[in-house]
Amino acid sequence: MVKSEEVKQIQSDLDLVTKTAKVLATKLEKISQRIDEILTSLQTTGGVPGSAVQKSVSKSAPKVQKSVKAVPAPQPEPRRPKKTIAFDSAGSKAGRYLDSFLTQLQELKRGREICDALSQLRDQVMQSAEVGFHPAFHEMGREANRLKNIGVISEEEREVIIEKVYDWKERIG
């Protein structure tokens, strides 16, 4: 007889696998779009002929077995304009923490300050009741460690951090 705790755990595992599959599908779509951009660029600039590149890409691409249940391909998201921070006040608690960090990020100048704020953010999101373990937490810690010894953060570096926060927000939910 299956216990209700087991059912909840199985449902939780299924949700995690589903979210992971969606993230992987999104990444695959982005990679595919980038390959298409490169092929188009090569064709218009007179680089390697598109057919030769396409053949080499198709030969090196691993064969993917179709799943039994058809899942619609995720629609590519529009690119976010630079230096624009959108807030989702009706979103999840984790999303609000991430939005708050984006606001705080505009005021922080040094890598160590951002490292401390990012570590605090990770702890807050991890402790929120709605979020269990998520791979994004590991990425947050890795990013905090990378920023720890950087002096003043450049605008380009700030944009990279903002993009990562948007990615985490999208993935965590």
N, C-alpha and C. Protein backbone atom coordinates (compact mmCIF):
# COMPACT_ATOMS: atom_id res chain seq x y z
N MET A 1 0.85 -1.18 0.00
CA MET A 1 0.00 0.00 0.00
C MET A 1 0.89 1.23 0.00
N VAL A 2 0.62 2.18 -0.87
CA VAL A 2 1.41 3.39 -1.00
C VAL A 2 0.94 4.41 0.03
N LYS A 3 1.88 4.97 0.76
CA LYS A 3 1.55 5.95 1.78
C LYS A 3 1.45 7.33 1.16
N SER A 4 0.72 8.21 1.83
CA SER A 4 0.52 9.56 1.29
C SER A 4 1.85 10.32 1.21
N GLU A 5 2.79 10.05 2.12
CA GLU A 5 4.09 10.71 2.05
C GLU A 5 4.84 10.29 0.80
N GLU A 6 4.71 8.99 0.45
CA GLU A 6 5.36 8.50 -0.76
C GLU A 6 4.77 9.15 -2.00
N VAL A 7 3.46 9.30 -2.01
CA VAL A 7 2.79 9.94 -3.14
C VAL A 7 3.26 11.38 -3.27
N LYS A 8 3.34 12.08 -2.15
CA LYS A 8 3.82 13.47 -2.18
C LYS A 8 5.26 13.54 -2.68
N GLN A 9 6.09 12.62 -2.24
CA GLN A 9 7.49 12.60 -2.67
C GLN A 9 7.60 12.30 -4.15
N ILE A 10 6.82 11.34 -4.62
CA ILE A 10 6.82 11.00 -6.04
C ILE A 10 6.35 12.19 -6.86
N GLN A 11 5.30 12.87 -6.40
CA GLN A 11 4.80 14.05 -7.11
C GLN A 11 5.85 15.15 -7.12
N SER A 12 6.54 15.33 -6.01
CA SER A 12 7.61 16.33 -5.94
C SER A 12 8.73 15.99 -6.90
N ASP A 13 9.12 14.71 -6.94
CA ASP A 13 10.16 14.28 -7.87
C ASP A 13 9.74 14.50 -9.31
N LEU A 14 8.49 14.18 -9.60
CA LEU A 14 7.97 14.38 -10.96
C LEU A 14 7.98 15.86 -11.33
N ASP A 15 7.59 16.73 -10.40
CA ASP A 15 7.62 18.17 -10.66
C ASP A 15 9.04 18.64 -10.95
N LEU A 16 10.01 18.15 -10.17
CA LEU A 16 11.40 18.53 -10.37
C LEU A 16 11.90 18.08 -11.74
N VAL A 17 11.57 16.85 -12.12
CA VAL A 17 11.99 16.33 -13.42
C VAL A 17 11.34 17.15 -14.54
N THR A 18 10.08 17.49 -14.37
CA THR A 18 9.37 18.29 -15.38
C THR A 18 10.01 19.66 -15.54
N LYS A 19 10.31 20.32 -14.42
CA LYS A 19 10.96 21.63 -14.48
C LYS A 19 12.33 21.54 -15.13
N THR A 20 13.08 20.51 -14.77
CA THR A 20 14.41 20.32 -15.36
C THR A 20 14.30 20.10 -16.86
N ALA A 21 13.32 19.31 -17.29
CA ALA A 21 13.12 19.07 -18.71
C ALA A 21 12.78 20.36 -19.45
N LYS A 22 11.98 21.21 -18.82
CA LYS A 22 11.62 22.49 -19.44
C LYS A 22 12.85 23.38 -19.58
N VAL A 23 13.69 23.40 -18.55
CA VAL A 23 14.92 24.20 -18.61
C VAL A 23 15.82 23.69 -19.73
N LEU A 24 15.98 22.38 -19.81
CA LEU A 24 16.82 21.79 -20.86
C LEU A 24 16.25 22.08 -22.25
N ALA A 25 14.94 22.01 -22.38
CA ALA A 25 14.32 22.30 -23.68
C ALA A 25 14.55 23.75 -24.06
N THR A 26 14.47 24.66 -23.10
CA THR A 26 14.72 26.08 -23.36
C THR A 26 16.16 26.29 -23.79
N LYS A 27 17.08 25.66 -23.10
CA LYS A 27 18.50 25.79 -23.45
C LYS A 27 18.76 25.23 -24.85
N LEU A 28 18.17 24.09 -25.16
CA LEU A 28 18.33 23.48 -26.48
C LEU A 28 17.80 24.41 -27.56
N GLU A 29 16.67 25.03 -27.30
CA GLU A 29 16.09 25.98 -28.27
C GLU A 29 17.02 27.17 -28.48
N LYS A 30 17.61 27.69 -27.41
CA LYS A 30 18.54 28.82 -27.52
C LYS A 30 19.77 28.42 -28.34
N ILE A 31 20.28 27.23 -28.09
CA ILE A 31 21.44 26.75 -28.84
C ILE A 31 21.09 26.59 -30.31
N SER A 32 19.93 26.05 -30.58
CA SER A 32 19.49 25.87 -31.96
C SER A 32 19.35 27.22 -32.67
N GLN A 33 18.79 28.20 -31.98
CA GLN A 33 18.66 29.54 -32.56
C GLN A 33 20.03 30.14 -32.84
N ARG A 34 20.95 29.94 -31.94
CA ARG A 34 22.30 30.49 -32.11
C ARG A 34 22.98 29.84 -33.32
N ILE A 35 22.83 28.54 -33.47
CA ILE A 35 23.40 27.84 -34.64
C ILE A 35 22.80 28.40 -35.91
N ASP A 36 21.48 28.63 -35.92
CA ASP A 36 20.83 29.21 -37.09
C ASP A 36 21.39 30.59 -37.40
N GLU A 37 21.62 31.40 -36.36
CA GLU A 37 22.19 32.73 -36.55
C GLU A 37 23.59 32.64 -37.16
N ILE A 38 24.38 31.73 -36.66
CA ILE A 38 25.75 31.56 -37.16
C ILE A 38 25.72 31.10 -38.62
N LEU A 39 24.85 30.15 -38.93
CA LEU A 39 24.75 29.67 -40.30
C LEU A 39 24.32 30.79 -41.24
N THR A 40 23.36 31.58 -40.82
CA THR A 40 22.91 32.70 -41.64
C THR A 40 24.02 33.70 -41.83
N SER A 41 24.75 33.98 -40.77
CA SER A 41 25.86 34.93 -40.83
C SER A 41 26.94 34.43 -41.78
N LEU A 42 27.26 33.16 -41.70
CA LEU A 42 28.29 32.59 -42.57
C LEU A 42 27.85 32.62 -44.03
N GLN A 43 26.59 32.37 -44.27
CA GLN A 43 26.09 32.37 -45.64
C GLN A 43 26.11 33.78 -46.23
N THR A 44 25.76 34.79 -45.42
CA THR A 44 25.71 36.15 -45.94
C THR A 44 27.08 36.80 -46.05
N THR A 45 28.05 36.35 -45.27
CA THR A 45 29.39 36.94 -45.33
C THR A 45 30.33 36.17 -46.24
N GLY A 46 29.84 35.13 -46.86
CA GLY A 46 30.68 34.37 -47.78
C GLY A 46 31.63 33.43 -47.07
N GLY A 47 31.31 33.05 -45.86
CA GLY A 47 32.15 32.11 -45.12
C GLY A 47 31.94 30.71 -45.64
N VAL A 48 32.01 29.76 -44.77
CA VAL A 48 31.82 28.36 -45.15
C VAL A 48 30.41 28.21 -45.69
N PRO A 49 30.23 27.53 -46.81
CA PRO A 49 28.89 27.35 -47.35
C PRO A 49 27.98 26.71 -46.33
N GLY A 50 26.73 27.16 -46.31
CA GLY A 50 25.77 26.70 -45.32
C GLY A 50 25.56 25.21 -45.35
N SER A 51 25.56 24.61 -46.55
CA SER A 51 25.31 23.18 -46.63
C SER A 51 26.43 22.38 -45.98
N ALA A 52 27.68 22.86 -46.14
CA ALA A 52 28.81 22.14 -45.52
C ALA A 52 28.74 22.25 -44.00
N VAL A 53 28.38 23.44 -43.51
CA VAL A 53 28.25 23.61 -42.07
C VAL A 53 27.09 22.78 -41.55
N GLN A 54 25.97 22.82 -42.28
CA GLN A 54 24.80 22.07 -41.85
C GLN A 54 25.11 20.58 -41.78
N LYS A 55 25.85 20.06 -42.76
CA LYS A 55 26.20 18.64 -42.75
C LYS A 55 27.07 18.31 -41.55
N SER A 56 28.04 19.18 -41.24
CA SER A 56 28.90 18.89 -40.10
C SER A 56 28.14 18.99 -38.80
N VAL A 57 27.18 19.92 -38.71
CA VAL A 57 26.38 20.05 -37.49
C VAL A 57 25.49 18.83 -37.34
N SER A 58 24.86 18.39 -38.44
CA SER A 58 23.96 17.25 -38.32
C SER A 58 24.72 15.96 -38.03
N LYS A 59 25.96 15.82 -38.53
CA LYS A 59 26.74 14.62 -38.24
C LYS A 59 27.15 14.57 -36.78
N SER A 60 27.48 15.74 -36.21
CA SER A 60 27.97 15.76 -34.84
C SER A 60 26.85 15.80 -33.81
N ALA A 61 25.64 16.14 -34.23
CA ALA A 61 24.53 16.23 -33.29
C ALA A 61 24.11 14.83 -32.86
N PRO A 62 23.92 14.64 -31.56
CA PRO A 62 23.50 13.32 -31.08
C PRO A 62 22.07 13.04 -31.51
N LYS A 63 21.78 11.77 -31.71
CA LYS A 63 20.42 11.36 -32.06
C LYS A 63 19.58 11.43 -30.81
N VAL A 64 18.42 12.07 -30.92
CA VAL A 64 17.52 12.21 -29.79
C VAL A 64 16.32 11.32 -30.04
N GLN A 65 16.01 10.48 -29.07
CA GLN A 65 14.88 9.59 -29.20
C GLN A 65 13.62 10.35 -28.82
N LYS A 66 12.59 10.26 -29.64
CA LYS A 66 11.33 10.95 -29.37
C LYS A 66 10.65 10.31 -28.18
N SER A 67 10.06 11.15 -27.33
CA SER A 67 9.33 10.62 -26.19
C SER A 67 7.95 10.18 -26.63
N VAL A 68 7.32 9.38 -25.81
CA VAL A 68 6.00 8.86 -26.13
C VAL A 68 4.97 9.98 -26.08
N LYS A 69 5.08 10.84 -25.09
CA LYS A 69 4.14 11.94 -24.91
C LYS A 69 4.72 13.19 -25.57
N ALA A 70 4.00 13.75 -26.49
CA ALA A 70 4.47 14.93 -27.20
C ALA A 70 4.31 16.16 -26.31
N VAL A 71 5.38 16.89 -26.14
CA VAL A 71 5.37 18.10 -25.35
C VAL A 71 5.61 19.26 -26.32
N PRO A 72 4.77 20.29 -26.27
CA PRO A 72 4.97 21.41 -27.20
C PRO A 72 6.31 22.09 -26.92
N ALA A 73 6.96 22.50 -27.99
CA ALA A 73 8.25 23.18 -27.85
C ALA A 73 8.04 24.51 -27.16
N PRO A 74 8.93 24.87 -26.24
CA PRO A 74 8.77 26.14 -25.55
C PRO A 74 8.98 27.29 -26.53
N GLN A 75 8.20 28.31 -26.36
CA GLN A 75 8.31 29.49 -27.21
C GLN A 75 9.49 30.32 -26.73
N PRO A 76 10.35 30.77 -27.64
CA PRO A 76 11.47 31.60 -27.20
C PRO A 76 10.96 32.90 -26.62
N GLU A 77 11.60 33.29 -25.54
CA GLU A 77 11.20 34.53 -24.88
C GLU A 77 11.83 35.72 -25.58
N PRO A 78 11.15 36.84 -25.58
CA PRO A 78 11.76 38.02 -26.17
C PRO A 78 12.96 38.44 -25.32
N ARG A 79 13.96 38.96 -25.98
CA ARG A 79 15.15 39.38 -25.25
C ARG A 79 14.82 40.58 -24.37
N ARG A 80 15.38 40.58 -23.18
CA ARG A 80 15.14 41.69 -22.26
C ARG A 80 16.00 42.88 -22.66
N PRO A 81 15.44 44.06 -22.61
CA PRO A 81 16.27 45.22 -22.90
C PRO A 81 17.29 45.41 -21.78
N LYS A 82 18.46 45.90 -22.13
CA LYS A 82 19.51 46.08 -21.14
C LYS A 82 19.12 47.18 -20.15
N LYS A 83 19.59 47.01 -18.92
CA LYS A 83 19.41 47.96 -17.83
C LYS A 83 17.95 48.23 -17.50
N THR A 84 17.08 47.29 -17.81
CA THR A 84 15.68 47.43 -17.46
C THR A 84 15.36 46.33 -16.47
N ILE A 85 14.78 46.70 -15.37
CA ILE A 85 14.43 45.73 -14.36
C ILE A 85 12.92 45.71 -14.21
N ALA A 86 12.31 44.58 -14.51
CA ALA A 86 10.86 44.43 -14.42
C ALA A 86 10.54 43.70 -13.13
N PHE A 87 9.50 44.13 -12.46
CA PHE A 87 9.13 43.54 -11.19
C PHE A 87 7.80 42.82 -11.32
N ASP A 88 7.70 41.69 -10.65
CA ASP A 88 6.50 40.88 -10.66
C ASP A 88 5.95 40.85 -9.24
N SER A 89 5.13 41.84 -8.92
CA SER A 89 4.66 41.96 -7.54
C SER A 89 3.70 40.84 -7.15
N ALA A 90 3.05 40.23 -8.13
CA ALA A 90 2.11 39.15 -7.84
C ALA A 90 2.81 37.79 -7.88
N GLY A 91 4.11 37.76 -8.11
CA GLY A 91 4.85 36.52 -8.27
C GLY A 91 5.10 35.80 -6.96
N SER A 92 5.95 34.82 -7.03
CA SER A 92 6.27 34.01 -5.87
C SER A 92 7.15 34.78 -4.89
N LYS A 93 7.25 34.23 -3.71
CA LYS A 93 8.09 34.84 -2.68
C LYS A 93 9.55 34.86 -3.14
N ALA A 94 10.00 33.76 -3.76
CA ALA A 94 11.37 33.69 -4.28
C ALA A 94 11.57 34.75 -5.34
N GLY A 95 10.58 34.95 -6.22
CA GLY A 95 10.67 35.97 -7.25
C GLY A 95 10.78 37.37 -6.67
N ARG A 96 10.05 37.61 -5.60
CA ARG A 96 10.13 38.93 -4.95
C ARG A 96 11.51 39.14 -4.31
N TYR A 97 12.08 38.08 -3.74
CA TYR A 97 13.44 38.20 -3.19
C TYR A 97 14.44 38.55 -4.31
N LEU A 98 14.30 37.88 -5.44
CA LEU A 98 15.20 38.13 -6.56
C LEU A 98 15.00 39.55 -7.11
N ASP A 99 13.75 40.03 -7.18
CA ASP A 99 13.50 41.41 -7.61
C ASP A 99 14.15 42.40 -6.64
N SER A 100 14.03 42.11 -5.35
CA SER A 100 14.63 42.97 -4.35
C SER A 100 16.15 43.03 -4.53
N PHE A 101 16.75 41.88 -4.83
CA PHE A 101 18.19 41.85 -5.07
C PHE A 101 18.57 42.70 -6.28
N LEU A 102 17.75 42.66 -7.33
CA LEU A 102 18.03 43.48 -8.52
C LEU A 102 18.06 44.97 -8.17
N THR A 103 17.14 45.39 -7.32
CA THR A 103 17.13 46.79 -6.87
C THR A 103 18.39 47.09 -6.07
N GLN A 104 18.72 46.20 -5.17
CA GLN A 104 19.91 46.37 -4.33
C GLN A 104 21.18 46.38 -5.18
N LEU A 105 21.21 45.60 -6.23
CA LEU A 105 22.37 45.49 -7.10
C LEU A 105 22.73 46.84 -7.74
N GLN A 106 21.73 47.66 -8.01
CA GLN A 106 21.98 48.96 -8.63
C GLN A 106 22.82 49.87 -7.73
N GLU A 107 22.75 49.65 -6.42
CA GLU A 107 23.47 50.49 -5.46
C GLU A 107 24.86 49.95 -5.13
N LEU A 108 25.08 48.66 -5.32
CA LEU A 108 26.34 48.03 -4.93
C LEU A 108 27.40 48.24 -6.00
N LYS A 109 28.61 48.54 -5.59
CA LYS A 109 29.69 48.84 -6.54
C LYS A 109 30.82 47.81 -6.52
N ARG A 110 31.08 47.21 -5.37
CA ARG A 110 32.23 46.32 -5.22
C ARG A 110 31.78 44.86 -5.23
N GLY A 111 32.67 44.00 -5.72
CA GLY A 111 32.39 42.57 -5.81
C GLY A 111 32.08 41.95 -4.46
N ARG A 112 32.80 42.35 -3.43
CA ARG A 112 32.58 41.78 -2.10
C ARG A 112 31.19 42.11 -1.58
N GLU A 113 30.72 43.33 -1.83
CA GLU A 113 29.38 43.73 -1.40
C GLU A 113 28.32 42.88 -2.11
N ILE A 114 28.51 42.69 -3.40
CA ILE A 114 27.57 41.90 -4.18
C ILE A 114 27.62 40.44 -3.73
N CYS A 115 28.81 39.95 -3.43
CA CYS A 115 28.97 38.58 -2.94
C CYS A 115 28.16 38.37 -1.66
N ASP A 116 28.29 39.30 -0.72
CA ASP A 116 27.56 39.19 0.54
C ASP A 116 26.04 39.25 0.32
N ALA A 117 25.61 40.19 -0.52
CA ALA A 117 24.18 40.32 -0.80
C ALA A 117 23.64 39.08 -1.51
N LEU A 118 24.41 38.53 -2.43
CA LEU A 118 23.98 37.34 -3.18
C LEU A 118 23.91 36.13 -2.25
N SER A 119 24.85 36.01 -1.34
CA SER A 119 24.81 34.90 -0.37
C SER A 119 23.58 35.01 0.52
N GLN A 120 23.29 36.24 0.95
CA GLN A 120 22.10 36.47 1.78
C GLN A 120 20.83 36.15 0.99
N LEU A 121 20.79 36.56 -0.28
CA LEU A 121 19.64 36.26 -1.14
C LEU A 121 19.43 34.76 -1.26
N ARG A 122 20.51 34.04 -1.51
CA ARG A 122 20.41 32.58 -1.65
C ARG A 122 19.82 31.97 -0.39
N ASP A 123 20.29 32.41 0.76
CA ASP A 123 19.77 31.88 2.02
C ASP A 123 18.27 32.18 2.17
N GLN A 124 17.86 33.40 1.82
CA GLN A 124 16.45 33.77 1.93
C GLN A 124 15.58 32.91 1.01
N VAL A 125 16.02 32.74 -0.23
CA VAL A 125 15.23 31.96 -1.18
C VAL A 125 15.17 30.49 -0.75
N MET A 126 16.28 29.97 -0.26
CA MET A 126 16.31 28.57 0.18
C MET A 126 15.39 28.34 1.37
N GLN A 127 15.26 29.36 2.22
CA GLN A 127 14.43 29.21 3.40
C GLN A 127 12.96 29.47 3.15
N SER A 128 12.63 30.02 2.00
CA SER A 128 11.22 30.25 1.70
C SER A 128 10.53 28.90 1.60
N ALA A 129 9.35 28.80 2.13
CA ALA A 129 8.65 27.52 2.24
C ALA A 129 8.29 26.91 0.90
N GLU A 130 8.14 27.72 -0.14
CA GLU A 130 7.67 27.20 -1.42
C GLU A 130 8.77 26.59 -2.29
N VAL A 131 10.03 26.80 -1.94
CA VAL A 131 11.13 26.32 -2.79
C VAL A 131 11.92 25.25 -2.05
N GLY A 132 12.04 24.08 -2.67
CA GLY A 132 12.90 23.03 -2.14
C GLY A 132 14.29 23.24 -2.69
N PHE A 133 15.07 22.18 -2.79
CA PHE A 133 16.40 22.30 -3.38
C PHE A 133 16.26 22.62 -4.86
N HIS A 134 17.13 23.48 -5.36
CA HIS A 134 17.14 23.82 -6.79
C HIS A 134 18.59 24.03 -7.22
N PRO A 135 18.97 23.56 -8.42
CA PRO A 135 20.35 23.74 -8.90
C PRO A 135 20.78 25.20 -8.98
N ALA A 136 19.82 26.11 -9.10
CA ALA A 136 20.16 27.53 -9.17
C ALA A 136 20.84 28.00 -7.88
N PHE A 137 20.55 27.35 -6.75
CA PHE A 137 21.18 27.74 -5.49
C PHE A 137 22.70 27.52 -5.57
N HIS A 138 23.09 26.42 -6.18
CA HIS A 138 24.51 26.13 -6.36
C HIS A 138 25.15 27.20 -7.25
N GLU A 139 24.44 27.58 -8.32
CA GLU A 139 24.95 28.61 -9.22
C GLU A 139 25.09 29.95 -8.51
N MET A 140 24.15 30.27 -7.63
CA MET A 140 24.23 31.52 -6.87
C MET A 140 25.49 31.52 -6.00
N GLY A 141 25.75 30.41 -5.35
CA GLY A 141 26.94 30.31 -4.50
C GLY A 141 28.22 30.42 -5.31
N ARG A 142 28.23 29.78 -6.48
CA ARG A 142 29.40 29.85 -7.37
C ARG A 142 29.64 31.28 -7.84
N GLU A 143 28.57 31.98 -8.19
CA GLU A 143 28.68 33.37 -8.64
C GLU A 143 29.16 34.26 -7.50
N ALA A 144 28.66 34.03 -6.29
CA ALA A 144 29.09 34.81 -5.13
C ALA A 144 30.59 34.61 -4.90
N ASN A 145 31.07 33.38 -4.98
CA ASN A 145 32.50 33.12 -4.79
C ASN A 145 33.35 33.78 -5.87
N ARG A 146 32.83 33.81 -7.09
CA ARG A 146 33.56 34.44 -8.20
C ARG A 146 33.69 35.96 -7.97
N LEU A 147 32.65 36.56 -7.41
CA LEU A 147 32.64 38.01 -7.21
C LEU A 147 33.41 38.46 -5.97
N LYS A 148 33.69 37.51 -5.09
CA LYS A 148 34.28 37.82 -3.79
C LYS A 148 35.56 38.66 -3.90
N ASN A 149 36.43 38.35 -4.82
CA ASN A 149 37.73 39.02 -4.90
C ASN A 149 37.82 40.07 -6.00
N ILE A 150 36.69 40.43 -6.58
CA ILE A 150 36.69 41.46 -7.61
C ILE A 150 36.52 42.82 -6.95
N GLY A 151 37.27 43.79 -7.43
CA GLY A 151 37.15 45.15 -6.88
C GLY A 151 35.85 45.79 -7.33
N VAL A 152 35.96 46.89 -8.07
CA VAL A 152 34.80 47.61 -8.56
C VAL A 152 34.23 46.85 -9.77
N ILE A 153 32.92 46.68 -9.78
CA ILE A 153 32.24 45.94 -10.84
C ILE A 153 31.97 46.87 -12.03
N SER A 154 32.32 46.41 -13.23
CA SER A 154 32.06 47.18 -14.44
C SER A 154 30.58 47.05 -14.82
N GLU A 155 30.12 47.93 -15.69
CA GLU A 155 28.73 47.89 -16.15
C GLU A 155 28.46 46.59 -16.92
N GLU A 156 29.44 46.12 -17.68
CA GLU A 156 29.25 44.87 -18.41
C GLU A 156 29.07 43.70 -17.46
N GLU A 157 29.88 43.69 -16.40
CA GLU A 157 29.78 42.63 -15.40
C GLU A 157 28.43 42.71 -14.68
N ARG A 158 27.97 43.92 -14.40
CA ARG A 158 26.68 44.11 -13.76
C ARG A 158 25.56 43.54 -14.64
N GLU A 159 25.65 43.78 -15.96
CA GLU A 159 24.65 43.25 -16.90
C GLU A 159 24.65 41.72 -16.89
N VAL A 160 25.83 41.11 -16.79
CA VAL A 160 25.93 39.65 -16.74
C VAL A 160 25.23 39.14 -15.48
N ILE A 161 25.45 39.81 -14.37
CA ILE A 161 24.83 39.39 -13.11
C ILE A 161 23.31 39.52 -13.20
N ILE A 162 22.83 40.63 -13.79
CA ILE A 162 21.39 40.84 -13.94
C ILE A 162 20.77 39.73 -14.79
N GLU A 163 21.44 39.37 -15.87
CA GLU A 163 20.93 38.28 -16.72
C GLU A 163 20.86 36.97 -15.94
N LYS A 164 21.87 36.71 -15.12
CA LYS A 164 21.87 35.48 -14.32
C LYS A 164 20.71 35.48 -13.33
N VAL A 165 20.44 36.65 -12.72
CA VAL A 165 19.34 36.74 -11.77
C VAL A 165 18.01 36.48 -12.48
N TYR A 166 17.83 37.05 -13.68
CA TYR A 166 16.62 36.78 -14.45
C TYR A 166 16.50 35.29 -14.76
N ASP A 167 17.60 34.65 -15.11
CA ASP A 167 17.58 33.22 -15.39
C ASP A 167 17.17 32.43 -14.15
N TRP A 168 17.75 32.77 -13.01
CA TRP A 168 17.39 32.08 -11.77
C TRP A 168 15.92 32.28 -11.43
N LYS A 169 15.45 33.50 -11.62
CA LYS A 169 14.04 33.80 -11.31
C LYS A 169 13.13 32.96 -12.20
N GLU A 170 13.45 32.86 -13.47
CA GLU A 170 12.65 32.07 -14.40
C GLU A 170 12.67 30.60 -14.02
N ARG A 171 13.80 30.10 -13.63
CA ARG A 171 13.93 28.68 -13.33
C ARG A 171 13.34 28.30 -11.98
N ILE A 172 13.51 29.16 -10.99
CA ILE A 172 13.01 28.84 -9.66
C ILE A 172 11.50 28.98 -9.61
N GLY A 173 10.98 29.91 -10.37
CA GLY A 173 9.53 30.02 -10.47
C GLY A 173 9.01 31.17 -9.73
